[in-house]
Amino acid sequence: MERAVALDVLRSPANLAHPAMPIQDAVDLVHYLVEVTCGFVRFTVGAPTVEPPIDLAAITLHEGFKWVRRKHYYDPELNS
């Protein structure tokens, strides 16, 4: 593959999300992208701006705001 073609492929936007995507697929995609961002930031110079653990919530028309994954600062019996 020629260098110019390879660069065009790397620079082209990926259509990962679409309006008909199921909520669970969208949640998984966002979690993956945040994990990739955490890994990238880990190896960059400077203070980390994104770091696990990750809080993740979904907002839908019918269910509203709903936690998908959340870190807890207290004992499990104190968190409902």
N, C-alpha and C. Protein backbone atom coordinates (compact mmCIF):
# COMPACT_ATOMS: atom_id res chain seq x y z
N MET A 1 0.84 -1.17 0.00
CA MET A 1 0.00 0.00 0.00
C MET A 1 0.89 1.23 0.00
N GLU A 2 0.52 2.20 -0.79
CA GLU A 2 1.30 3.43 -0.85
C GLU A 2 1.09 4.25 0.43
N ARG A 3 2.08 5.03 0.76
CA ARG A 3 2.04 5.84 1.98
C ARG A 3 0.83 6.78 1.99
N ALA A 4 0.55 7.44 0.88
CA ALA A 4 -0.57 8.39 0.82
C ALA A 4 -1.90 7.69 1.06
N VAL A 5 -2.07 6.49 0.51
CA VAL A 5 -3.31 5.74 0.70
C VAL A 5 -3.45 5.32 2.16
N ALA A 6 -2.37 4.86 2.76
CA ALA A 6 -2.39 4.46 4.17
C ALA A 6 -2.75 5.64 5.06
N LEU A 7 -2.19 6.80 4.79
CA LEU A 7 -2.52 7.98 5.59
C LEU A 7 -3.97 8.39 5.42
N ASP A 8 -4.50 8.27 4.21
CA ASP A 8 -5.92 8.58 3.99
C ASP A 8 -6.82 7.64 4.79
N VAL A 9 -6.47 6.37 4.83
CA VAL A 9 -7.25 5.39 5.59
C VAL A 9 -7.21 5.73 7.08
N LEU A 10 -6.03 6.07 7.59
CA LEU A 10 -5.89 6.39 9.01
C LEU A 10 -6.62 7.68 9.38
N ARG A 11 -6.71 8.60 8.48
CA ARG A 11 -7.35 9.89 8.76
C ARG A 11 -8.85 9.89 8.50
N SER A 12 -9.36 8.89 7.82
CA SER A 12 -10.79 8.86 7.51
C SER A 12 -11.58 8.56 8.78
N PRO A 13 -12.72 9.24 8.95
CA PRO A 13 -13.52 8.99 10.16
C PRO A 13 -14.19 7.62 10.08
N ALA A 14 -14.24 6.95 11.20
CA ALA A 14 -14.91 5.65 11.27
C ALA A 14 -16.35 5.86 11.72
N ASN A 15 -17.27 5.25 11.04
CA ASN A 15 -18.68 5.34 11.40
C ASN A 15 -19.02 4.23 12.38
N LEU A 16 -18.66 4.42 13.64
CA LEU A 16 -18.88 3.39 14.64
C LEU A 16 -20.28 3.44 15.23
N ALA A 17 -20.85 4.62 15.37
CA ALA A 17 -22.17 4.77 15.97
C ALA A 17 -23.18 5.16 14.91
N HIS A 18 -24.40 4.70 15.11
CA HIS A 18 -25.49 5.06 14.21
C HIS A 18 -26.78 5.14 15.01
N PRO A 19 -27.78 5.86 14.52
CA PRO A 19 -29.02 6.08 15.29
C PRO A 19 -29.77 4.80 15.66
N ALA A 20 -29.66 3.75 14.87
CA ALA A 20 -30.40 2.51 15.15
C ALA A 20 -29.63 1.56 16.06
N MET A 21 -28.49 1.98 16.57
CA MET A 21 -27.66 1.13 17.42
C MET A 21 -28.39 0.82 18.74
N PRO A 22 -28.43 -0.44 19.16
CA PRO A 22 -29.02 -0.77 20.46
C PRO A 22 -28.26 -0.08 21.60
N ILE A 23 -28.97 0.22 22.67
CA ILE A 23 -28.36 0.94 23.80
C ILE A 23 -27.15 0.18 24.34
N GLN A 24 -27.25 -1.13 24.48
CA GLN A 24 -26.12 -1.89 25.03
C GLN A 24 -24.89 -1.79 24.13
N ASP A 25 -25.08 -1.80 22.82
CA ASP A 25 -23.96 -1.63 21.91
C ASP A 25 -23.34 -0.24 22.05
N ALA A 26 -24.18 0.78 22.20
CA ALA A 26 -23.68 2.14 22.39
C ALA A 26 -22.90 2.25 23.70
N VAL A 27 -23.40 1.63 24.75
CA VAL A 27 -22.70 1.63 26.05
C VAL A 27 -21.35 0.93 25.91
N ASP A 28 -21.34 -0.21 25.26
CA ASP A 28 -20.08 -0.95 25.06
C ASP A 28 -19.09 -0.15 24.23
N LEU A 29 -19.57 0.53 23.20
CA LEU A 29 -18.70 1.36 22.36
C LEU A 29 -18.09 2.50 23.16
N VAL A 30 -18.91 3.19 23.93
CA VAL A 30 -18.40 4.30 24.75
C VAL A 30 -17.40 3.79 25.77
N HIS A 31 -17.69 2.68 26.41
CA HIS A 31 -16.74 2.11 27.38
C HIS A 31 -15.41 1.78 26.71
N TYR A 32 -15.47 1.18 25.54
CA TYR A 32 -14.25 0.85 24.80
C TYR A 32 -13.45 2.12 24.46
N LEU A 33 -14.14 3.14 23.95
CA LEU A 33 -13.45 4.37 23.57
C LEU A 33 -12.81 5.06 24.78
N VAL A 34 -13.48 5.01 25.94
CA VAL A 34 -12.89 5.59 27.15
C VAL A 34 -11.68 4.77 27.59
N GLU A 35 -11.75 3.44 27.50
CA GLU A 35 -10.60 2.61 27.84
C GLU A 35 -9.41 2.90 26.93
N VAL A 36 -9.66 3.08 25.63
CA VAL A 36 -8.59 3.41 24.69
C VAL A 36 -8.00 4.77 25.04
N THR A 37 -8.85 5.73 25.38
CA THR A 37 -8.37 7.05 25.78
C THR A 37 -7.52 6.97 27.04
N CYS A 38 -7.94 6.18 28.01
CA CYS A 38 -7.15 6.00 29.24
C CYS A 38 -5.78 5.40 28.92
N GLY A 39 -5.74 4.41 28.04
CA GLY A 39 -4.46 3.82 27.65
C GLY A 39 -3.58 4.80 26.93
N PHE A 40 -4.16 5.62 26.06
CA PHE A 40 -3.38 6.63 25.34
C PHE A 40 -2.81 7.67 26.30
N VAL A 41 -3.64 8.17 27.20
CA VAL A 41 -3.21 9.20 28.14
C VAL A 41 -2.15 8.66 29.08
N ARG A 42 -2.23 7.39 29.40
CA ARG A 42 -1.25 6.77 30.31
C ARG A 42 0.18 6.92 29.78
N PHE A 43 0.34 6.87 28.46
CA PHE A 43 1.68 6.90 27.88
C PHE A 43 2.08 8.26 27.33
N THR A 44 1.25 9.28 27.53
CA THR A 44 1.62 10.61 27.10
C THR A 44 2.35 11.33 28.22
N VAL A 45 3.11 12.33 27.85
CA VAL A 45 3.87 13.11 28.83
C VAL A 45 2.92 14.08 29.52
N GLY A 46 3.09 14.23 30.82
CA GLY A 46 2.27 15.18 31.57
C GLY A 46 1.34 14.47 32.53
N ALA A 47 0.53 15.26 33.18
CA ALA A 47 -0.41 14.73 34.17
C ALA A 47 -1.54 13.97 33.46
N PRO A 48 -1.97 12.84 34.04
CA PRO A 48 -3.08 12.10 33.42
C PRO A 48 -4.39 12.89 33.55
N THR A 49 -5.12 13.00 32.46
CA THR A 49 -6.39 13.71 32.47
C THR A 49 -7.57 12.76 32.50
N VAL A 50 -7.35 11.50 32.13
CA VAL A 50 -8.39 10.47 32.18
C VAL A 50 -7.75 9.25 32.82
N GLU A 51 -8.46 8.66 33.77
CA GLU A 51 -7.88 7.53 34.48
C GLU A 51 -9.00 6.63 35.01
N PRO A 52 -8.81 5.32 34.93
CA PRO A 52 -9.83 4.43 35.50
C PRO A 52 -9.85 4.56 37.03
N PRO A 53 -10.89 4.20 37.68
CA PRO A 53 -12.11 3.56 37.22
C PRO A 53 -13.02 4.55 36.50
N ILE A 54 -13.90 4.01 35.67
CA ILE A 54 -14.75 4.82 34.79
C ILE A 54 -16.19 4.76 35.28
N ASP A 55 -16.83 5.93 35.39
CA ASP A 55 -18.27 6.00 35.63
C ASP A 55 -18.95 6.06 34.27
N LEU A 56 -20.02 5.31 34.11
CA LEU A 56 -20.70 5.27 32.83
C LEU A 56 -22.21 5.26 33.07
N ALA A 57 -22.92 6.15 32.38
CA ALA A 57 -24.37 6.22 32.49
C ALA A 57 -24.97 6.32 31.10
N ALA A 58 -26.23 5.94 31.00
CA ALA A 58 -26.96 6.06 29.73
C ALA A 58 -28.19 6.93 29.97
N ILE A 59 -28.51 7.75 28.99
CA ILE A 59 -29.71 8.57 29.05
C ILE A 59 -30.56 8.21 27.83
N THR A 60 -31.77 7.72 28.10
CA THR A 60 -32.68 7.37 27.02
C THR A 60 -34.00 8.11 27.22
N LEU A 61 -34.78 8.17 26.17
CA LEU A 61 -36.05 8.86 26.21
C LEU A 61 -37.01 8.20 27.20
N HIS A 62 -37.05 6.87 27.21
CA HIS A 62 -38.03 6.16 28.03
C HIS A 62 -37.54 5.85 29.44
N GLU A 63 -36.24 5.61 29.62
CA GLU A 63 -35.72 5.26 30.95
C GLU A 63 -35.06 6.43 31.65
N GLY A 64 -34.78 7.51 30.94
CA GLY A 64 -34.11 8.65 31.55
C GLY A 64 -32.65 8.33 31.85
N PHE A 65 -32.15 8.89 32.94
CA PHE A 65 -30.76 8.69 33.35
C PHE A 65 -30.65 7.39 34.12
N LYS A 66 -29.67 6.56 33.75
CA LYS A 66 -29.49 5.27 34.42
C LYS A 66 -28.00 4.96 34.48
N TRP A 67 -27.51 4.68 35.69
CA TRP A 67 -26.11 4.30 35.84
C TRP A 67 -25.89 2.92 35.22
N VAL A 68 -24.81 2.78 34.48
CA VAL A 68 -24.43 1.49 33.90
C VAL A 68 -23.27 0.91 34.69
N ARG A 69 -22.32 1.75 34.98
CA ARG A 69 -21.14 1.35 35.76
C ARG A 69 -20.75 2.54 36.61
N ARG A 70 -20.55 2.30 37.90
CA ARG A 70 -20.25 3.40 38.80
C ARG A 70 -19.28 2.95 39.88
N LYS A 71 -18.27 3.77 40.15
CA LYS A 71 -17.34 3.45 41.24
C LYS A 71 -17.96 3.87 42.57
N HIS A 72 -17.61 3.18 43.60
CA HIS A 72 -18.15 3.48 44.92
C HIS A 72 -17.00 3.84 45.85
N TYR A 73 -17.23 4.86 46.64
CA TYR A 73 -16.21 5.34 47.57
C TYR A 73 -16.40 4.77 48.97
N TYR A 74 -17.53 4.15 49.22
CA TYR A 74 -17.85 3.63 50.54
C TYR A 74 -18.09 2.13 50.45
N ASP A 75 -18.27 1.51 51.61
CA ASP A 75 -18.53 0.06 51.66
C ASP A 75 -19.78 -0.29 50.86
N PRO A 76 -19.82 -1.48 50.27
CA PRO A 76 -20.97 -1.89 49.45
C PRO A 76 -22.30 -1.83 50.19
N GLU A 77 -22.32 -2.10 51.50
CA GLU A 77 -23.60 -2.07 52.23
C GLU A 77 -24.14 -0.64 52.39
N LEU A 78 -23.29 0.37 52.23
CA LEU A 78 -23.75 1.75 52.30
C LEU A 78 -24.21 2.28 50.95
N ASN A 79 -23.86 1.58 49.88
CA ASN A 79 -24.28 1.97 48.53
C ASN A 79 -25.45 1.11 48.08
N SER A 80 -26.54 1.75 47.70
CA SER A 80 -27.70 0.97 47.26
C SER A 80 -27.62 0.73 45.76
